Amino acid sequence: MVNGNRRRDGFLDIPWVAIAAAAGVIVVVICAALFFMGGNGDPTGITTPVSTGTPSSPGPSVTHHVVTPSSGQPGKLTYNVALTGYEPDSIPVPDKGTFIKVIYRGGYDGTYTSGSGPQELRNSGERVIEIENPGTTVTATVKKQESSTKQALTVEIWKNGARLGSKTTSLPYGEVTVSSAL
């Protein structure tokens, strides 16, 4: 027969179990605090330029940009990223002369015609092509080599710093023909 006054052993009656449980709770609380606080010391999410080198050192100083997320609106997360120096429409057209400007990051090919006859055009990335001995009109036909629809292909004709004509397409393997009287 079992006596009703018999004491059962609980898990807190064993000293090492109580110590392990308390240590586990402390570790979980510290990890949760570090996770929710972010641990980066910059709660604003603003990018900060960080320079390497000192003003007294003879070597060049390089600036790196730290990218951290910033929440400007509820439900939206934006990133502040430094420009790379190669952005669309970043190549200037010279003030003197006649030029064709192609704005497209992918590959393209085509032809242009002016005073010196038809010339082939094949490249990738934004380019400014000088037209030697231009005639009275310039016609350029350029076609994308990819099926991309994410970036438009733009072809422009320029003379002495003024844009005379421009056409754009976003179609896959899209083709642009632009013509202008000089």
C-alpha atoms as a PDB file:
ATOM      1  CA  MET A   1       0.000   0.000   0.000  1.00  0.00           C
ATOM      2  CA  VAL A   2       1.158   3.513  -0.831  1.00  0.00           C
ATOM      3  CA  ASN A   3       1.368   6.040   1.905  1.00  0.00           C
ATOM      4  CA  GLY A   4      -0.263   9.413   1.012  1.00  0.00           C
ATOM      5  CA  ASN A   5       2.520  11.367   2.716  1.00  0.00           C
ATOM      6  CA  ARG A   6       5.189  10.075   0.389  1.00  0.00           C
ATOM      7  CA  ARG A   7       7.068  12.880  -1.298  1.00  0.00           C
ATOM      8  CA  ARG A   8       7.706  12.740  -5.060  1.00  0.00           C
ATOM      9  CA  ASP A   9      10.951  14.027  -6.549  1.00  0.00           C
ATOM     10  CA  GLY A  10      10.381  17.149  -8.702  1.00  0.00           C
ATOM     11  CA  PHE A  11      12.789  18.351 -11.355  1.00  0.00           C
ATOM     12  CA  LEU A  12      13.599  21.464  -9.295  1.00  0.00           C
ATOM     13  CA  ASP A  13      14.634  19.305  -6.359  1.00  0.00           C
ATOM     14  CA  ILE A  14      17.777  18.293  -8.261  1.00  0.00           C
ATOM     15  CA  PRO A  15      20.199  21.266  -8.098  1.00  0.00           C
ATOM     16  CA  TRP A  16      21.913  20.914 -11.517  1.00  0.00           C
ATOM     17  CA  VAL A  17      18.574  20.863 -13.374  1.00  0.00           C
ATOM     18  CA  ALA A  18      17.520  24.156 -11.802  1.00  0.00           C
ATOM     19  CA  ILE A  19      20.878  25.752 -12.656  1.00  0.00           C
ATOM     20  CA  ALA A  20      20.744  24.517 -16.281  1.00  0.00           C
ATOM     21  CA  ALA A  21      17.164  25.777 -16.723  1.00  0.00           C
ATOM     22  CA  ALA A  22      18.071  29.242 -15.378  1.00  0.00           C
ATOM     23  CA  ALA A  23      21.161  29.433 -17.625  1.00  0.00           C
ATOM     24  CA  GLY A  24      19.074  28.441 -20.671  1.00  0.00           C
ATOM     25  CA  VAL A  25      16.512  31.161 -19.972  1.00  0.00           C
ATOM     26  CA  ILE A  26      19.274  33.773 -19.611  1.00  0.00           C
ATOM     27  CA  VAL A  27      20.891  32.732 -22.921  1.00  0.00           C
ATOM     28  CA  VAL A  28      17.551  32.887 -24.765  1.00  0.00           C
ATOM     29  CA  VAL A  29      16.811  36.375 -23.359  1.00  0.00           C
ATOM     30  CA  ILE A  30      20.254  37.696 -24.373  1.00  0.00           C
ATOM     31  CA  CYS A  31      19.977  36.226 -27.899  1.00  0.00           C
ATOM     32  CA  ALA A  32      16.493  37.686 -28.347  1.00  0.00           C
ATOM     33  CA  ALA A  33      17.676  41.105 -27.166  1.00  0.00           C
ATOM     34  CA  LEU A  34      20.606  41.086 -29.610  1.00  0.00           C
ATOM     35  CA  PHE A  35      18.391  39.916 -32.457  1.00  0.00           C
ATOM     36  CA  PHE A  36      15.699  42.564 -31.959  1.00  0.00           C
ATOM     37  CA  MET A  37      18.131  45.396 -31.274  1.00  0.00           C
ATOM     38  CA  GLY A  38      20.097  44.626 -34.447  1.00  0.00           C
ATOM     39  CA  GLY A  39      23.481  44.989 -32.837  1.00  0.00           C
ATOM     40  CA  ASN A  40      24.784  47.442 -35.472  1.00  0.00           C
ATOM     41  CA  GLY A  41      24.473  50.588 -33.369  1.00  0.00           C
ATOM     42  CA  ASP A  42      22.711  52.549 -36.185  1.00  0.00           C
ATOM     43  CA  PRO A  43      18.941  52.433 -35.611  1.00  0.00           C
ATOM     44  CA  THR A  44      18.278  55.081 -38.279  1.00  0.00           C
ATOM     45  CA  GLY A  45      19.314  52.943 -41.245  1.00  0.00           C
ATOM     46  CA  ILE A  46      21.221  55.800 -42.898  1.00  0.00           C
ATOM     47  CA  THR A  47      24.324  55.031 -44.930  1.00  0.00           C
ATOM     48  CA  THR A  48      27.516  56.459 -43.601  1.00  0.00           C
ATOM     49  CA  PRO A  49      30.676  56.933 -45.607  1.00  0.00           C
ATOM     50  CA  VAL A  50      33.622  55.249 -43.935  1.00  0.00           C
ATOM     51  CA  SER A  51      37.089  56.471 -44.890  1.00  0.00           C
ATOM     52  CA  THR A  52      40.211  54.394 -44.806  1.00  0.00           C
ATOM     53  CA  GLY A  53      43.542  56.085 -44.413  1.00  0.00           C
ATOM     54  CA  THR A  54      44.472  59.089 -42.368  1.00  0.00           C
ATOM     55  CA  PRO A  55      45.048  62.680 -43.466  1.00  0.00           C
ATOM     56  CA  SER A  56      48.743  62.380 -42.533  1.00  0.00           C
ATOM     57  CA  SER A  57      49.327  59.186 -44.552  1.00  0.00           C
ATOM     58  CA  PRO A  58      50.685  59.635 -48.089  1.00  0.00           C
ATOM     59  CA  GLY A  59      48.469  56.882 -49.587  1.00  0.00           C
ATOM     60  CA  PRO A  60      45.097  57.485 -51.212  1.00  0.00           C
ATOM     61  CA  SER A  61      41.986  57.628 -49.097  1.00  0.00           C
ATOM     62  CA  VAL A  62      39.193  55.326 -50.200  1.00  0.00           C
ATOM     63  CA  THR A  63      35.582  55.841 -49.182  1.00  0.00           C
ATOM     64  CA  HIS A  64      33.344  52.818 -48.686  1.00  0.00           C
ATOM     65  CA  HIS A  65      29.600  53.108 -48.246  1.00  0.00           C
ATOM     66  CA  VAL A  66      27.839  51.018 -45.639  1.00  0.00           C
ATOM     67  CA  VAL A  67      24.415  49.931 -46.873  1.00  0.00           C
ATOM     68  CA  THR A  68      21.775  49.452 -44.215  1.00  0.00           C
ATOM     69  CA  PRO A  69      18.036  49.087 -44.637  1.00  0.00           C
ATOM     70  CA  SER A  70      15.875  52.064 -43.794  1.00  0.00           C
ATOM     71  CA  SER A  71      12.151  52.026 -43.285  1.00  0.00           C
ATOM     72  CA  GLY A  72      10.752  55.313 -44.599  1.00  0.00           C
ATOM     73  CA  GLN A  73       7.134  54.113 -44.749  1.00  0.00           C
ATOM     74  CA  PRO A  74       5.330  51.324 -42.957  1.00  0.00           C
ATOM     75  CA  GLY A  75       5.655  48.086 -44.894  1.00  0.00           C
ATOM     76  CA  LYS A  76       8.381  49.417 -47.230  1.00  0.00           C
ATOM     77  CA  LEU A  77      12.098  48.846 -46.894  1.00  0.00           C
ATOM     78  CA  THR A  78      14.451  51.060 -48.894  1.00  0.00           C
ATOM     79  CA  TYR A  79      18.206  50.838 -49.350  1.00  0.00           C
ATOM     80  CA  ASN A  80      20.566  53.773 -49.643  1.00  0.00           C
ATOM     81  CA  VAL A  81      23.198  52.720 -52.177  1.00  0.00           C
ATOM     82  CA  ALA A  82      26.042  54.848 -53.493  1.00  0.00           C
ATOM     83  CA  LEU A  83      26.151  55.456 -57.244  1.00  0.00           C
ATOM     84  CA  THR A  84      28.694  53.413 -59.144  1.00  0.00           C
ATOM     85  CA  GLY A  85      29.610  56.133 -61.631  1.00  0.00           C
ATOM     86  CA  TYR A  86      28.112  54.131 -64.489  1.00  0.00           C
ATOM     87  CA  GLU A  87      24.441  54.963 -64.548  1.00  0.00           C
ATOM     88  CA  PRO A  88      22.197  55.253 -67.614  1.00  0.00           C
ATOM     89  CA  ASP A  89      22.635  58.535 -69.451  1.00  0.00           C
ATOM     90  CA  SER A  90      25.912  59.241 -67.652  1.00  0.00           C
ATOM     91  CA  ILE A  91      28.144  59.672 -70.738  1.00  0.00           C
ATOM     92  CA  PRO A  92      28.065  63.310 -71.898  1.00  0.00           C
ATOM     93  CA  VAL A  93      27.853  64.212 -75.578  1.00  0.00           C
ATOM     94  CA  PRO A  94      30.541  66.702 -76.722  1.00  0.00           C
ATOM     95  CA  ASP A  95      29.479  70.244 -77.682  1.00  0.00           C
ATOM     96  CA  LYS A  96      31.148  70.198 -81.121  1.00  0.00           C
ATOM     97  CA  GLY A  97      30.456  67.645 -83.850  1.00  0.00           C
ATOM     98  CA  THR A  98      27.775  65.163 -84.885  1.00  0.00           C
ATOM     99  CA  PHE A  99      27.143  62.056 -82.770  1.00  0.00           C
ATOM    100  CA  ILE A 100      24.895  59.058 -82.279  1.00  0.00           C
ATOM    101  CA  LYS A 101      24.276  58.117 -78.649  1.00  0.00           C
ATOM    102  CA  VAL A 102      23.079  54.598 -77.785  1.00  0.00           C
ATOM    103  CA  ILE A 103      21.717  54.078 -74.271  1.00  0.00           C
ATOM    104  CA  TYR A 104      21.372  50.378 -73.408  1.00  0.00           C
ATOM    105  CA  ARG A 105      23.309  48.159 -70.987  1.00  0.00           C
ATOM    106  CA  GLY A 106      22.957  44.999 -73.055  1.00  0.00           C
ATOM    107  CA  GLY A 107      24.312  44.051 -76.466  1.00  0.00           C
ATOM    108  CA  TYR A 108      23.101  45.707 -79.668  1.00  0.00           C
ATOM    109  CA  ASP A 109      23.979  45.952 -83.337  1.00  0.00           C
ATOM    110  CA  GLY A 110      22.894  47.982 -86.333  1.00  0.00           C
ATOM    111  CA  THR A 111      23.957  50.546 -88.911  1.00  0.00           C
ATOM    112  CA  TYR A 112      24.069  54.278 -89.362  1.00  0.00           C
ATOM    113  CA  THR A 113      24.183  56.241 -92.587  1.00  0.00           C
ATOM    114  CA  SER A 114      25.477  59.722 -93.242  1.00  0.00           C
ATOM    115  CA  GLY A 115      27.837  61.487 -95.667  1.00  0.00           C
ATOM    116  CA  SER A 116      30.473  58.740 -95.638  1.00  0.00           C
ATOM    117  CA  GLY A 117      28.024  55.901 -96.442  1.00  0.00           C
ATOM    118  CA  PRO A 118      26.649  53.088 -94.247  1.00  0.00           C
ATOM    119  CA  GLN A 119      28.668  52.091 -91.194  1.00  0.00           C
ATOM    120  CA  GLU A 120      28.187  49.073 -88.939  1.00  0.00           C
ATOM    121  CA  LEU A 121      27.518  49.563 -85.263  1.00  0.00           C
ATOM    122  CA  ARG A 122      27.982  46.691 -82.764  1.00  0.00           C
ATOM    123  CA  ASN A 123      28.631  47.061 -79.048  1.00  0.00           C
ATOM    124  CA  SER A 124      27.124  46.889 -75.566  1.00  0.00           C
ATOM    125  CA  GLY A 125      26.603  49.508 -72.903  1.00  0.00           C
ATOM    126  CA  GLU A 126      26.060  53.214 -73.314  1.00  0.00           C
ATOM    127  CA  ARG A 127      28.140  54.659 -76.156  1.00  0.00           C
ATOM    128  CA  VAL A 128      28.619  57.935 -78.017  1.00  0.00           C
ATOM    129  CA  ILE A 129      29.722  57.412 -81.640  1.00  0.00           C
ATOM    130  CA  GLU A 130      31.220  60.315 -83.566  1.00  0.00           C
ATOM    131  CA  ILE A 131      30.112  60.629 -87.192  1.00  0.00           C
ATOM    132  CA  GLU A 132      33.039  61.517 -89.440  1.00  0.00           C
ATOM    133  CA  ASN A 133      32.168  63.719 -92.461  1.00  0.00           C
ATOM    134  CA  PRO A 134      28.405  63.911 -91.820  1.00  0.00           C
ATOM    135  CA  GLY A 135      26.110  64.568 -94.761  1.00  0.00           C
ATOM    136  CA  THR A 136      22.803  66.461 -94.711  1.00  0.00           C
ATOM    137  CA  THR A 137      20.932  63.689 -92.856  1.00  0.00           C
ATOM    138  CA  VAL A 138      21.785  60.970 -90.360  1.00  0.00           C
ATOM    139  CA  THR A 139      19.834  57.713 -90.041  1.00  0.00           C
ATOM    140  CA  ALA A 140      20.581  55.078 -87.395  1.00  0.00           C
ATOM    141  CA  THR A 141      18.961  51.659 -86.971  1.00  0.00           C
ATOM    142  CA  VAL A 142      19.886  49.711 -83.833  1.00  0.00           C
ATOM    143  CA  LYS A 143      18.485  46.381 -82.582  1.00  0.00           C
ATOM    144  CA  LYS A 144      18.732  44.700 -79.156  1.00  0.00           C
ATOM    145  CA  GLN A 145      20.529  41.351 -79.136  1.00  0.00           C
ATOM    146  CA  GLU A 146      18.543  40.130 -76.098  1.00  0.00           C
ATOM    147  CA  SER A 147      14.923  39.506 -75.248  1.00  0.00           C
ATOM    148  CA  SER A 148      15.077  41.802 -72.210  1.00  0.00           C
ATOM    149  CA  THR A 149      12.096  44.056 -71.535  1.00  0.00           C
ATOM    150  CA  LYS A 150      13.468  45.487 -68.281  1.00  0.00           C
ATOM    151  CA  GLN A 151      15.561  48.200 -69.906  1.00  0.00           C
ATOM    152  CA  ALA A 152      14.740  50.337 -72.900  1.00  0.00           C
ATOM    153  CA  LEU A 153      17.030  50.811 -75.893  1.00  0.00           C
ATOM    154  CA  THR A 154      17.328  54.502 -76.769  1.00  0.00           C
ATOM    155  CA  VAL A 155      19.086  55.920 -79.839  1.00  0.00           C
ATOM    156  CA  GLU A 156      19.708  59.667 -80.123  1.00  0.00           C
ATOM    157  CA  ILE A 157      21.210  61.942 -82.797  1.00  0.00           C
ATOM    158  CA  TRP A 158      23.186  64.962 -81.574  1.00  0.00           C
ATOM    159  CA  LYS A 159      24.806  67.923 -83.340  1.00  0.00           C
ATOM    160  CA  ASN A 160      26.840  70.636 -81.602  1.00  0.00           C
ATOM    161  CA  GLY A 161      25.437  69.802 -78.155  1.00  0.00           C
ATOM    162  CA  ALA A 162      21.759  69.725 -79.213  1.00  0.00           C
ATOM    163  CA  ARG A 163      19.684  66.554 -79.451  1.00  0.00           C
ATOM    164  CA  LEU A 164      18.001  66.452 -82.864  1.00  0.00           C
ATOM    165  CA  GLY A 165      16.132  63.158 -82.601  1.00  0.00           C
ATOM    166  CA  SER A 166      15.477  60.264 -80.243  1.00  0.00           C
ATOM    167  CA  LYS A 167      13.595  56.938 -80.335  1.00  0.00           C
ATOM    168  CA  THR A 168      13.123  54.274 -77.660  1.00  0.00           C
ATOM    169  CA  THR A 169      11.876  50.672 -77.459  1.00  0.00           C
ATOM    170  CA  SER A 170      11.421  48.201 -74.589  1.00  0.00           C
ATOM    171  CA  LEU A 171      10.339  45.268 -76.768  1.00  0.00           C
ATOM    172  CA  PRO A 172      12.309  42.002 -76.704  1.00  0.00           C
ATOM    173  CA  TYR A 173      14.854  42.134 -79.552  1.00  0.00           C
ATOM    174  CA  GLY A 174      13.404  45.597 -80.198  1.00  0.00           C
ATOM    175  CA  GLU A 175      14.636  47.742 -83.067  1.00  0.00           C
ATOM    176  CA  VAL A 176      14.854  51.531 -83.238  1.00  0.00           C
ATOM    177  CA  THR A 177      15.248  53.673 -86.352  1.00  0.00           C
ATOM    178  CA  VAL A 178      15.862  57.378 -85.892  1.00  0.00           C
ATOM    179  CA  SER A 179      16.593  59.909 -88.606  1.00  0.00           C
ATOM    180  CA  SER A 180      17.328  63.615 -88.536  1.00  0.00           C
ATOM    181  CA  ALA A 181      18.283  66.377 -90.946  1.00  0.00           C
ATOM    182  CA  LEU A 182      21.469  68.177 -90.022  1.00  0.00           C
END
